[in-house]
C-alpha atoms as a PDB file:
ATOM      1  CA  MET A   1      -6.132 -12.348  19.987  1.00  0.00           C
ATOM      2  CA  LEU A   2      -6.174  -8.906  18.410  1.00  0.00           C
ATOM      3  CA  SER A   3      -7.312  -5.853  20.331  1.00  0.00           C
ATOM      4  CA  VAL A   4      -8.947  -3.267  18.096  1.00  0.00           C
ATOM      5  CA  ILE A   5      -8.704   0.161  19.724  1.00  0.00           C
ATOM      6  CA  LEU A   6     -10.954   3.017  18.629  1.00  0.00           C
ATOM      7  CA  CYS A   7     -10.455   6.401  20.255  1.00  0.00           C
ATOM      8  CA  THR A   8     -13.315   8.780  19.607  1.00  0.00           C
ATOM      9  CA  TYR A   9     -14.376  12.355  20.222  1.00  0.00           C
ATOM     10  CA  ASN A  10     -17.739  13.638  18.954  1.00  0.00           C
ATOM     11  CA  ARG A  11     -18.049  11.324  15.969  1.00  0.00           C
ATOM     12  CA  ASP A  12     -21.531   9.923  16.609  1.00  0.00           C
ATOM     13  CA  LYS A  13     -22.248  10.193  12.873  1.00  0.00           C
ATOM     14  CA  TYR A  14     -19.565   7.637  12.036  1.00  0.00           C
ATOM     15  CA  ILE A  15     -18.815   5.491  15.068  1.00  0.00           C
ATOM     16  CA  TYR A  16     -21.538   2.841  14.600  1.00  0.00           C
ATOM     17  CA  ASN A  17     -20.587   2.251  10.973  1.00  0.00           C
ATOM     18  CA  VAL A  18     -16.886   1.799  11.628  1.00  0.00           C
ATOM     19  CA  LEU A  19     -17.680  -0.675  14.415  1.00  0.00           C
ATOM     20  CA  HIS A  20     -20.068  -2.513  12.103  1.00  0.00           C
ATOM     21  CA  SER A  21     -17.432  -2.719   9.338  1.00  0.00           C
ATOM     22  CA  ILE A  22     -15.068  -4.390  11.808  1.00  0.00           C
ATOM     23  CA  ALA A  23     -17.753  -6.843  12.976  1.00  0.00           C
ATOM     24  CA  ALA A  24     -18.612  -7.699   9.357  1.00  0.00           C
ATOM     25  CA  GLY A  25     -15.057  -8.869   8.653  1.00  0.00           C
ATOM     26  CA  THR A  26     -13.729 -12.366   8.039  1.00  0.00           C
ATOM     27  CA  PHE A  27     -11.852 -12.693  11.361  1.00  0.00           C
ATOM     28  CA  ASP A  28     -13.412 -13.313  14.752  1.00  0.00           C
ATOM     29  CA  ASP A  29     -10.619 -13.700  17.329  1.00  0.00           C
ATOM     30  CA  TYR A  30     -10.589 -10.106  18.465  1.00  0.00           C
ATOM     31  CA  GLU A  31     -11.930  -7.651  21.000  1.00  0.00           C
ATOM     32  CA  VAL A  32     -12.941  -4.021  20.562  1.00  0.00           C
ATOM     33  CA  VAL A  33     -11.814  -1.416  23.070  1.00  0.00           C
ATOM     34  CA  LEU A  34     -13.776   1.811  22.535  1.00  0.00           C
ATOM     35  CA  VAL A  35     -12.248   4.812  24.292  1.00  0.00           C
ATOM     36  CA  ASN A  36     -14.621   7.767  24.545  1.00  0.00           C
ATOM     37  CA  ASN A  37     -12.553  10.911  25.090  1.00  0.00           C
ATOM     38  CA  ASN A  38     -15.288  13.085  26.666  1.00  0.00           C
ATOM     39  CA  SER A  39     -17.674  13.242  23.709  1.00  0.00           C
ATOM     40  CA  ASN A  40     -20.693  15.443  24.306  1.00  0.00           C
ATOM     41  CA  ASP A  41     -22.812  14.125  21.421  1.00  0.00           C
ATOM     42  CA  ASN A  42     -24.588  10.746  21.016  1.00  0.00           C
ATOM     43  CA  THR A  43     -21.383   8.695  20.865  1.00  0.00           C
ATOM     44  CA  GLU A  44     -22.173   6.684  23.998  1.00  0.00           C
ATOM     45  CA  ALA A  45     -25.656   5.777  22.754  1.00  0.00           C
ATOM     46  CA  GLU A  46     -24.288   4.751  19.355  1.00  0.00           C
ATOM     47  CA  CYS A  47     -21.674   2.523  20.997  1.00  0.00           C
ATOM     48  CA  HIS A  48     -24.285   0.803  23.135  1.00  0.00           C
ATOM     49  CA  ARG A  49     -26.486   0.386  20.043  1.00  0.00           C
ATOM     50  CA  PHE A  50     -23.628  -1.453  18.367  1.00  0.00           C
ATOM     51  CA  GLU A  51     -23.072  -3.569  21.467  1.00  0.00           C
ATOM     52  CA  ALA A  52     -26.753  -4.568  21.501  1.00  0.00           C
ATOM     53  CA  ASP A  53     -26.792  -5.340  17.770  1.00  0.00           C
ATOM     54  CA  HIS A  54     -23.587  -7.417  17.922  1.00  0.00           C
ATOM     55  CA  PRO A  55     -23.703  -9.468  21.137  1.00  0.00           C
ATOM     56  CA  GLY A  56     -21.068 -11.863  19.799  1.00  0.00           C
ATOM     57  CA  VAL A  57     -18.374  -9.172  19.695  1.00  0.00           C
ATOM     58  CA  ARG A  58     -16.178  -8.784  22.761  1.00  0.00           C
ATOM     59  CA  PHE A  59     -16.732  -5.101  23.372  1.00  0.00           C
ATOM     60  CA  ARG A  60     -15.306  -2.898  26.097  1.00  0.00           C
ATOM     61  CA  TYR A  61     -16.472   0.698  26.478  1.00  0.00           C
ATOM     62  CA  VAL A  62     -14.244   2.985  28.552  1.00  0.00           C
ATOM     63  CA  VAL A  63     -14.028   6.735  29.136  1.00  0.00           C
ATOM     64  CA  GLU A  64     -10.741   8.646  29.194  1.00  0.00           C
ATOM     65  CA  PRO A  65     -11.383  11.872  31.162  1.00  0.00           C
ATOM     66  CA  GLN A  66      -8.065  13.500  30.260  1.00  0.00           C
ATOM     67  CA  GLN A  67      -8.649  15.303  26.980  1.00  0.00           C
ATOM     68  CA  GLY A  68      -6.325  14.355  24.149  1.00  0.00           C
ATOM     69  CA  LEU A  69      -5.895  11.645  21.531  1.00  0.00           C
ATOM     70  CA  SER A  70      -2.605  10.438  23.015  1.00  0.00           C
ATOM     71  CA  TYR A  71      -4.258  10.041  26.434  1.00  0.00           C
ATOM     72  CA  ALA A  72      -7.044   8.055  24.772  1.00  0.00           C
ATOM     73  CA  ARG A  73      -4.618   5.861  22.851  1.00  0.00           C
ATOM     74  CA  ASN A  74      -2.654   5.128  26.002  1.00  0.00           C
ATOM     75  CA  CYS A  75      -5.916   4.313  27.792  1.00  0.00           C
ATOM     76  CA  GLY A  76      -6.623   1.809  25.026  1.00  0.00           C
ATOM     77  CA  ILE A  77      -3.285   0.112  25.635  1.00  0.00           C
ATOM     78  CA  GLU A  78      -4.002  -0.151  29.352  1.00  0.00           C
ATOM     79  CA  ASN A  79      -7.426  -1.704  28.776  1.00  0.00           C
ATOM     80  CA  ALA A  80      -6.577  -4.014  25.873  1.00  0.00           C
ATOM     81  CA  GLN A  81      -5.966  -7.706  26.486  1.00  0.00           C
ATOM     82  CA  GLY A  82      -4.543  -8.753  23.115  1.00  0.00           C
ATOM     83  CA  ASP A  83      -0.913  -9.221  22.124  1.00  0.00           C
ATOM     84  CA  VAL A  84      -1.401  -7.192  18.942  1.00  0.00           C
ATOM     85  CA  LEU A  85      -3.066  -3.781  19.197  1.00  0.00           C
ATOM     86  CA  VAL A  86      -4.783  -2.420  16.086  1.00  0.00           C
ATOM     87  CA  TYR A  87      -5.722   1.273  15.999  1.00  0.00           C
ATOM     88  CA  VAL A  88      -8.634   2.234  13.755  1.00  0.00           C
ATOM     89  CA  ASP A  89      -9.823   5.810  13.171  1.00  0.00           C
ATOM     90  CA  ASP A  90     -13.330   6.674  14.317  1.00  0.00           C
ATOM     91  CA  ASP A  91     -14.290   8.316  10.996  1.00  0.00           C
ATOM     92  CA  ALA A  92     -13.483   5.409   8.724  1.00  0.00           C
ATOM     93  CA  LEU A  93     -14.503   2.001   7.417  1.00  0.00           C
ATOM     94  CA  VAL A  94     -12.358  -1.106   6.917  1.00  0.00           C
ATOM     95  CA  ASN A  95     -12.425  -3.863   4.293  1.00  0.00           C
ATOM     96  CA  PRO A  96     -13.584  -7.419   5.212  1.00  0.00           C
ATOM     97  CA  GLU A  97     -10.000  -8.787   5.187  1.00  0.00           C
ATOM     98  CA  TYR A  98      -8.712  -6.056   7.464  1.00  0.00           C
ATOM     99  CA  LEU A  99      -8.224  -7.957  10.745  1.00  0.00           C
ATOM    100  CA  SER A 100      -7.392 -11.287   9.113  1.00  0.00           C
ATOM    101  CA  THR A 101      -4.576  -9.539   7.224  1.00  0.00           C
ATOM    102  CA  TYR A 102      -3.002  -8.306  10.451  1.00  0.00           C
ATOM    103  CA  ALA A 103      -3.520 -11.609  12.279  1.00  0.00           C
ATOM    104  CA  THR A 104      -1.968 -13.649   9.470  1.00  0.00           C
ATOM    105  CA  PHE A 105       0.977 -11.293   9.072  1.00  0.00           C
ATOM    106  CA  PHE A 106       1.978 -11.146  12.742  1.00  0.00           C
ATOM    107  CA  ALA A 107       1.597 -14.926  13.107  1.00  0.00           C
ATOM    108  CA  ALA A 108       3.890 -15.505  10.116  1.00  0.00           C
ATOM    109  CA  HIS A 109       6.470 -12.835  11.024  1.00  0.00           C
ATOM    110  CA  PRO A 110       7.428 -12.977  14.703  1.00  0.00           C
ATOM    111  CA  GLU A 111      10.240 -10.475  14.063  1.00  0.00           C
ATOM    112  CA  ALA A 112       7.810  -7.800  12.865  1.00  0.00           C
ATOM    113  CA  MET A 113       6.811  -5.329  15.556  1.00  0.00           C
ATOM    114  CA  ALA A 114       4.364  -3.056  13.706  1.00  0.00           C
ATOM    115  CA  ALA A 115       2.496  -2.686  10.446  1.00  0.00           C
ATOM    116  CA  GLY A 116       0.036  -0.501   8.602  1.00  0.00           C
ATOM    117  CA  GLY A 117      -2.036  -0.551   5.458  1.00  0.00           C
ATOM    118  CA  PRO A 118      -3.428   1.741   2.757  1.00  0.00           C
ATOM    119  CA  ILE A 119      -5.622   4.689   3.650  1.00  0.00           C
ATOM    120  CA  VAL A 120      -8.111   5.530   0.900  1.00  0.00           C
ATOM    121  CA  PRO A 121     -10.102   8.787   1.102  1.00  0.00           C
ATOM    122  CA  ARG A 122     -13.855   8.713   0.555  1.00  0.00           C
ATOM    123  CA  TYR A 123     -15.620  12.043   0.275  1.00  0.00           C
ATOM    124  CA  ASP A 124     -18.769  12.211   2.390  1.00  0.00           C
ATOM    125  CA  GLY A 125     -21.313  14.600   0.891  1.00  0.00           C
ATOM    126  CA  CYS A 126     -18.734  16.465  -1.168  1.00  0.00           C
ATOM    127  CA  GLU A 127     -16.385  16.095  -4.117  1.00  0.00           C
ATOM    128  CA  GLU A 128     -12.642  16.491  -4.332  1.00  0.00           C
ATOM    129  CA  PRO A 129     -11.884  20.192  -4.939  1.00  0.00           C
ATOM    130  CA  GLY A 130      -9.923  21.390  -7.925  1.00  0.00           C
ATOM    131  CA  TRP A 131      -7.032  22.631  -5.789  1.00  0.00           C
ATOM    132  CA  MET A 132      -6.297  19.122  -4.522  1.00  0.00           C
ATOM    133  CA  SER A 133      -3.007  17.603  -5.665  1.00  0.00           C
ATOM    134  CA  HIS A 134      -0.970  14.554  -4.718  1.00  0.00           C
ATOM    135  CA  TYR A 135       0.710  16.562  -1.969  1.00  0.00           C
ATOM    136  CA  THR A 136      -2.327  18.227  -0.400  1.00  0.00           C
ATOM    137  CA  ARG A 137      -4.368  15.015  -0.709  1.00  0.00           C
ATOM    138  CA  GLN A 138      -2.001  13.225   1.639  1.00  0.00           C
ATOM    139  CA  LEU A 139      -2.116  16.177   4.024  1.00  0.00           C
ATOM    140  CA  VAL A 140      -5.908  16.621   4.150  1.00  0.00           C
ATOM    141  CA  THR A 141      -7.119  13.035   3.761  1.00  0.00           C
ATOM    142  CA  GLY A 142      -4.233  10.997   5.159  1.00  0.00           C
ATOM    143  CA  ARG A 143      -4.022   9.036   1.897  1.00  0.00           C
ATOM    144  CA  LEU A 144      -1.388   6.310   1.993  1.00  0.00           C
ATOM    145  CA  TYR A 145      -0.609   3.883  -0.807  1.00  0.00           C
ATOM    146  CA  LEU A 146       2.706   2.111  -1.371  1.00  0.00           C
ATOM    147  CA  GLY A 147       1.614  -0.364  -4.021  1.00  0.00           C
ATOM    148  CA  ASP A 148       0.086  -3.815  -4.071  1.00  0.00           C
ATOM    149  CA  ASN A 149       2.970  -5.755  -2.538  1.00  0.00           C
ATOM    150  CA  GLU A 150       3.805  -6.406   1.098  1.00  0.00           C
ATOM    151  CA  ARG A 151       7.016  -4.607   1.995  1.00  0.00           C
ATOM    152  CA  GLU A 152       8.915  -2.856   4.735  1.00  0.00           C
ATOM    153  CA  PHE A 153       8.103   0.843   5.006  1.00  0.00           C
ATOM    154  CA  PRO A 154      10.856   2.876   3.315  1.00  0.00           C
ATOM    155  CA  ARG A 155      12.983   5.097   5.503  1.00  0.00           C
ATOM    156  CA  GLY A 156      11.142   8.270   6.421  1.00  0.00           C
ATOM    157  CA  ALA A 157       7.705   6.718   5.856  1.00  0.00           C
ATOM    158  CA  PHE A 158       5.476   5.128   8.475  1.00  0.00           C
ATOM    159  CA  PRO A 159       1.899   3.869   8.917  1.00  0.00           C
ATOM    160  CA  GLY A 160      -0.932   6.330   9.323  1.00  0.00           C
ATOM    161  CA  GLY A 161      -2.021   6.554  12.951  1.00  0.00           C
ATOM    162  CA  GLY A 162      -5.593   5.559  12.106  1.00  0.00           C
ATOM    163  CA  ASN A 163      -4.540   2.316  10.417  1.00  0.00           C
ATOM    164  CA  ALA A 164      -1.656   0.869  12.389  1.00  0.00           C
ATOM    165  CA  ALA A 165      -0.994  -2.276  14.408  1.00  0.00           C
ATOM    166  CA  TYR A 166       1.668  -2.902  17.056  1.00  0.00           C
ATOM    167  CA  ARG A 167       2.841  -5.795  19.136  1.00  0.00           C
ATOM    168  CA  ARG A 168       2.253  -4.829  22.749  1.00  0.00           C
ATOM    169  CA  GLU A 169       5.964  -5.093  23.506  1.00  0.00           C
ATOM    170  CA  VAL A 170       6.649  -2.078  21.276  1.00  0.00           C
ATOM    171  CA  PHE A 171       5.299   0.179  24.005  1.00  0.00           C
ATOM    172  CA  ASP A 172       7.515  -1.518  26.589  1.00  0.00           C
ATOM    173  CA  LYS A 173      10.520  -0.601  24.437  1.00  0.00           C
ATOM    174  CA  VAL A 174       9.728   2.938  23.303  1.00  0.00           C
ATOM    175  CA  GLY A 175       7.131   4.105  25.813  1.00  0.00           C
ATOM    176  CA  LEU A 176       3.550   5.199  25.337  1.00  0.00           C
ATOM    177  CA  PHE A 177       2.198   7.912  23.029  1.00  0.00           C
ATOM    178  CA  ASN A 178       3.571  11.342  23.870  1.00  0.00           C
ATOM    179  CA  VAL A 179       0.739  13.224  25.595  1.00  0.00           C
ATOM    180  CA  ALA A 180       2.296  16.577  24.692  1.00  0.00           C
ATOM    181  CA  LEU A 181       1.411  15.711  21.089  1.00  0.00           C
ATOM    182  CA  GLY A 182      -1.805  14.565  19.445  1.00  0.00           C
ATOM    183  CA  ARG A 183      -5.155  16.241  18.986  1.00  0.00           C
ATOM    184  CA  LYS A 184      -6.976  17.613  21.976  1.00  0.00           C
ATOM    185  CA  GLY A 185     -10.613  18.481  21.447  1.00  0.00           C
ATOM    186  CA  ASN A 186     -10.711  20.677  18.345  1.00  0.00           C
ATOM    187  CA  SER A 187      -6.961  21.354  18.333  1.00  0.00           C
ATOM    188  CA  LEU A 188      -5.149  20.023  15.251  1.00  0.00           C
ATOM    189  CA  ILE A 189      -1.796  19.332  16.916  1.00  0.00           C
ATOM    190  CA  GLY A 190      -0.513  15.926  15.833  1.00  0.00           C
ATOM    191  CA  ALA A 191       2.807  14.094  15.246  1.00  0.00           C
ATOM    192  CA  GLU A 192       2.349  11.559  18.058  1.00  0.00           C
ATOM    193  CA  GLU A 193       2.597   8.726  15.520  1.00  0.00           C
ATOM    194  CA  LYS A 194       5.693  10.243  13.908  1.00  0.00           C
ATOM    195  CA  ASP A 195       7.249  10.588  17.365  1.00  0.00           C
ATOM    196  CA  LEU A 196       6.553   6.919  18.113  1.00  0.00           C
ATOM    197  CA  PHE A 197       7.838   5.593  14.792  1.00  0.00           C
ATOM    198  CA  ASP A 198      10.960   7.758  14.987  1.00  0.00           C
ATOM    199  CA  LYS A 199      11.755   6.144  18.334  1.00  0.00           C
ATOM    200  CA  MET A 200      11.159   2.715  16.816  1.00  0.00           C
ATOM    201  CA  THR A 201      13.453   3.502  13.894  1.00  0.00           C
ATOM    202  CA  THR A 202      16.208   4.644  16.276  1.00  0.00           C
ATOM    203  CA  LEU A 203      15.996   1.266  18.030  1.00  0.00           C
ATOM    204  CA  GLY A 204      16.023  -0.658  14.757  1.00  0.00           C
ATOM    205  CA  ILE A 205      12.397  -1.808  15.129  1.00  0.00           C
ATOM    206  CA  ARG A 206      10.956  -2.701  11.741  1.00  0.00           C
ATOM    207  CA  PHE A 207       7.434  -2.007  10.498  1.00  0.00           C
ATOM    208  CA  TYR A 208       5.673  -3.185   7.371  1.00  0.00           C
ATOM    209  CA  TYR A 209       3.156  -2.140   4.751  1.00  0.00           C
ATOM    210  CA  LEU A 210       0.267  -4.579   4.220  1.00  0.00           C
ATOM    211  CA  PRO A 211      -1.692  -3.766   1.040  1.00  0.00           C
ATOM    212  CA  THR A 212      -4.788  -5.786   1.988  1.00  0.00           C
ATOM    213  CA  ALA A 213      -5.442  -4.057   5.335  1.00  0.00           C
ATOM    214  CA  VAL A 214      -7.407  -1.188   3.809  1.00  0.00           C
ATOM    215  CA  LEU A 215      -8.985   1.692   5.701  1.00  0.00           C
ATOM    216  CA  TYR A 216     -11.398   4.074   3.981  1.00  0.00           C
ATOM    217  CA  HIS A 217     -11.136   7.528   5.546  1.00  0.00           C
ATOM    218  CA  LEU A 218     -14.361   9.551   5.350  1.00  0.00           C
ATOM    219  CA  ILE A 219     -13.831  13.214   4.459  1.00  0.00           C
ATOM    220  CA  PRO A 220     -16.708  15.608   5.315  1.00  0.00           C
ATOM    221  CA  PRO A 221     -17.134  19.016   3.617  1.00  0.00           C
ATOM    222  CA  HIS A 222     -15.663  21.047   6.501  1.00  0.00           C
ATOM    223  CA  LYS A 223     -12.255  19.420   5.989  1.00  0.00           C
ATOM    224  CA  LEU A 224     -12.095  20.997   2.531  1.00  0.00           C
ATOM    225  CA  THR A 225     -12.585  24.584   3.709  1.00  0.00           C
ATOM    226  CA  ASP A 226      -9.895  27.254   3.726  1.00  0.00           C
ATOM    227  CA  ASP A 227     -10.272  27.675   7.494  1.00  0.00           C
ATOM    228  CA  TYR A 228      -9.658  23.982   8.200  1.00  0.00           C
ATOM    229  CA  PHE A 229      -6.699  23.919   5.816  1.00  0.00           C
ATOM    230  CA  ALA A 230      -5.117  26.906   7.559  1.00  0.00           C
ATOM    231  CA  ARG A 231      -5.614  25.404  11.020  1.00  0.00           C
ATOM    232  CA  LEU A 232      -4.341  21.999   9.872  1.00  0.00           C
ATOM    233  CA  THR A 233      -1.132  23.280   8.312  1.00  0.00           C
ATOM    234  CA  HIS A 234      -0.437  25.565  11.268  1.00  0.00           C
ATOM    235  CA  GLY A 235      -1.011  22.596  13.580  1.00  0.00           C
ATOM    236  CA  ILE A 236       1.529  20.533  11.640  1.00  0.00           C
ATOM    237  CA  GLY A 237       4.142  23.242  12.158  1.00  0.00           C
ATOM    238  CA  GLN A 238       3.307  23.540  15.853  1.00  0.00           C
ATOM    239  CA  SER A 239       3.560  19.778  16.229  1.00  0.00           C
ATOM    240  CA  GLU A 240       6.999  19.713  14.667  1.00  0.00           C
ATOM    241  CA  ARG A 241       8.143  22.572  16.897  1.00  0.00           C
ATOM    242  CA  TYR A 242       6.962  20.787  20.057  1.00  0.00           C
ATOM    243  CA  ARG A 243       8.288  17.408  18.941  1.00  0.00           C
ATOM    244  CA  THR A 244      11.769  18.526  17.915  1.00  0.00           C
ATOM    245  CA  GLN A 245      12.269  20.913  20.838  1.00  0.00           C
ATOM    246  CA  GLN A 246      11.496  18.071  23.241  1.00  0.00           C
ATOM    247  CA  ILE A 247      14.354  16.122  21.683  1.00  0.00           C
ATOM    248  CA  SER A 248      16.961  18.899  21.576  1.00  0.00           C
ATOM    249  CA  ARG A 249      17.580  22.424  20.397  1.00  0.00           C
ATOM    250  CA  SER A 250      19.834  21.143  17.610  1.00  0.00           C
ATOM    251  CA  LYS A 251      17.023  18.873  16.389  1.00  0.00           C
ATOM    252  CA  TYR A 252      14.720  21.890  16.174  1.00  0.00           C
ATOM    253  CA  LEU A 253      17.340  23.954  14.340  1.00  0.00           C
ATOM    254  CA  ARG A 254      17.863  21.133  11.835  1.00  0.00           C
ATOM    255  CA  ARG A 255      14.105  21.018  11.293  1.00  0.00           C
ATOM    256  CA  LEU A 256      14.130  24.764  10.632  1.00  0.00           C
ATOM    257  CA  ALA A 257      16.909  24.285   8.091  1.00  0.00           C
ATOM    258  CA  SER A 258      14.958  21.545   6.357  1.00  0.00           C
ATOM    259  CA  GLU A 259      11.993  23.915   6.118  1.00  0.00           C
ATOM    260  CA  GLY A 260      14.095  26.131   3.881  1.00  0.00           C
ATOM    261  CA  VAL A 261      14.764  23.174   1.592  1.00  0.00           C
ATOM    262  CA  LYS A 262      11.058  22.373   1.555  1.00  0.00           C
ATOM    263  CA  TRP A 263      10.290  25.956   0.506  1.00  0.00           C
ATOM    264  CA  CYS A 264      12.629  25.564  -2.486  1.00  0.00           C
ATOM    265  CA  ALA A 265      10.899  22.329  -3.496  1.00  0.00           C
ATOM    266  CA  THR A 266       7.492  23.959  -3.018  1.00  0.00           C
ATOM    267  CA  PHE A 267       8.430  26.823  -5.324  1.00  0.00           C
ATOM    268  CA  VAL A 268       9.572  24.385  -8.010  1.00  0.00           C
ATOM    269  CA  LEU A 269       6.282  22.486  -7.729  1.00  0.00           C
ATOM    270  CA  TRP A 270       4.325  25.769  -7.841  1.00  0.00           C
ATOM    271  CA  CYS A 271       6.066  26.710 -11.075  1.00  0.00           C
ATOM    272  CA  GLY A 272       5.221  23.315 -12.537  1.00  0.00           C
ATOM    273  CA  PHE A 273       1.540  23.621 -11.680  1.00  0.00           C
ATOM    274  CA  VAL A 274       1.366  27.174 -13.071  1.00  0.00           C
ATOM    275  CA  LEU A 275       3.020  26.122 -16.319  1.00  0.00           C
ATOM    276  CA  ARG A 276       0.477  23.299 -16.645  1.00  0.00           C
ATOM    277  CA  GLY A 277      -2.390  25.725 -16.186  1.00  0.00           C
ATOM    278  CA  GLN A 278      -3.223  24.552 -12.650  1.00  0.00           C
ATOM    279  CA  PRO A 279      -2.422  27.611 -10.500  1.00  0.00           C
ATOM    280  CA  ALA A 280      -4.973  26.669  -7.798  1.00  0.00           C
ATOM    281  CA  LYS A 281      -2.984  23.522  -6.993  1.00  0.00           C
ATOM    282  CA  GLY A 282       0.258  25.471  -6.852  1.00  0.00           C
ATOM    283  CA  ASN A 283      -1.205  28.239  -4.702  1.00  0.00           C
ATOM    284  CA  LYS A 284      -2.522  25.692  -2.224  1.00  0.00           C
ATOM    285  CA  LEU A 285       0.972  24.256  -1.862  1.00  0.00           C
ATOM    286  CA  ILE A 286       2.271  27.731  -1.042  1.00  0.00           C
ATOM    287  CA  ALA A 287      -0.490  28.101   1.572  1.00  0.00           C
ATOM    288  CA  PHE A 288       0.467  24.684   2.945  1.00  0.00           C
ATOM    289  CA  ARG A 289       4.115  25.631   3.359  1.00  0.00           C
ATOM    290  CA  ARG A 290       3.280  29.061   4.790  1.00  0.00           C
ATOM    291  CA  GLY A 291       1.017  27.544   7.456  1.00  0.00           C
ATOM    292  CA  VAL A 292       3.602  24.950   8.472  1.00  0.00           C
ATOM    293  CA  THR A 293       6.364  27.539   8.679  1.00  0.00           C
ATOM    294  CA  ARG A 294       4.278  29.858  10.851  1.00  0.00           C
ATOM    295  CA  GLY A 295       3.512  27.036  13.248  1.00  0.00           C
ATOM    296  CA  LEU A 296       7.138  25.920  13.265  1.00  0.00           C
ATOM    297  CA  LEU A 297       8.242  29.422  14.210  1.00  0.00           C
ATOM    298  CA  GLY A 298       5.588  29.731  16.907  1.00  0.00           C
ATOM    299  CA  ARG A 299       3.669  32.492  15.138  1.00  0.00           C
END
């Protein structure tokens, strides 16, 4: 059995629809564990509406009182009964083959410990802005696409946290999600998935890309504002500072050194965009790097 874990905070606009997209799929040997992380909107009512409309779905509603996405994800692990745990974002939709793809893959590959699929952005009430490029699109929308073939994730790449599945034993080997990382309320600190997959890589645990487990990530207008972009990039830098300093001082210093290399690459890309008559895309990359660096330095 698969355990589908949804961790949510104030997403009453989306939560019913993502649950419905899971229930409308082609696979039925699963349970849903909904972890409400102290929402103060109509999330609870929307969850119970889904439960009433879909009595055939094994549905468990739990509340995690400790604020933070990593706390909620760990709560999901504790309450799930399946051998494979599938995390789905609360502001998304999934394709009909989503769960059957994961079930088939893990049944056929007992050596595989984790997997993830494409993340496709869908703009909700807005259009993609002109400053968006390949680089900022991945940052803002979480877009992930590695082609149409099943494959192992290349080194340095890993599944998006909102579309990832793990065998339960992974958490016995590497521990739970790091509660010092991950979003808390309106904070945009992250990197808890990167922390987990880095630990898996160190232990030689393999994870795979499954092109037919597709998640559509809904992007509202506020995620395209300058204010959100500034807070997001600063949060990325903060996350990297917290994550690397927890490992060692040398790890943090190496991350600082790599930031210098990233600035060089950013400048080259900026020049390319300017020469192609797309300065807005180049300027946004500079803003991206500046925000990350400030967060990395603790400013």
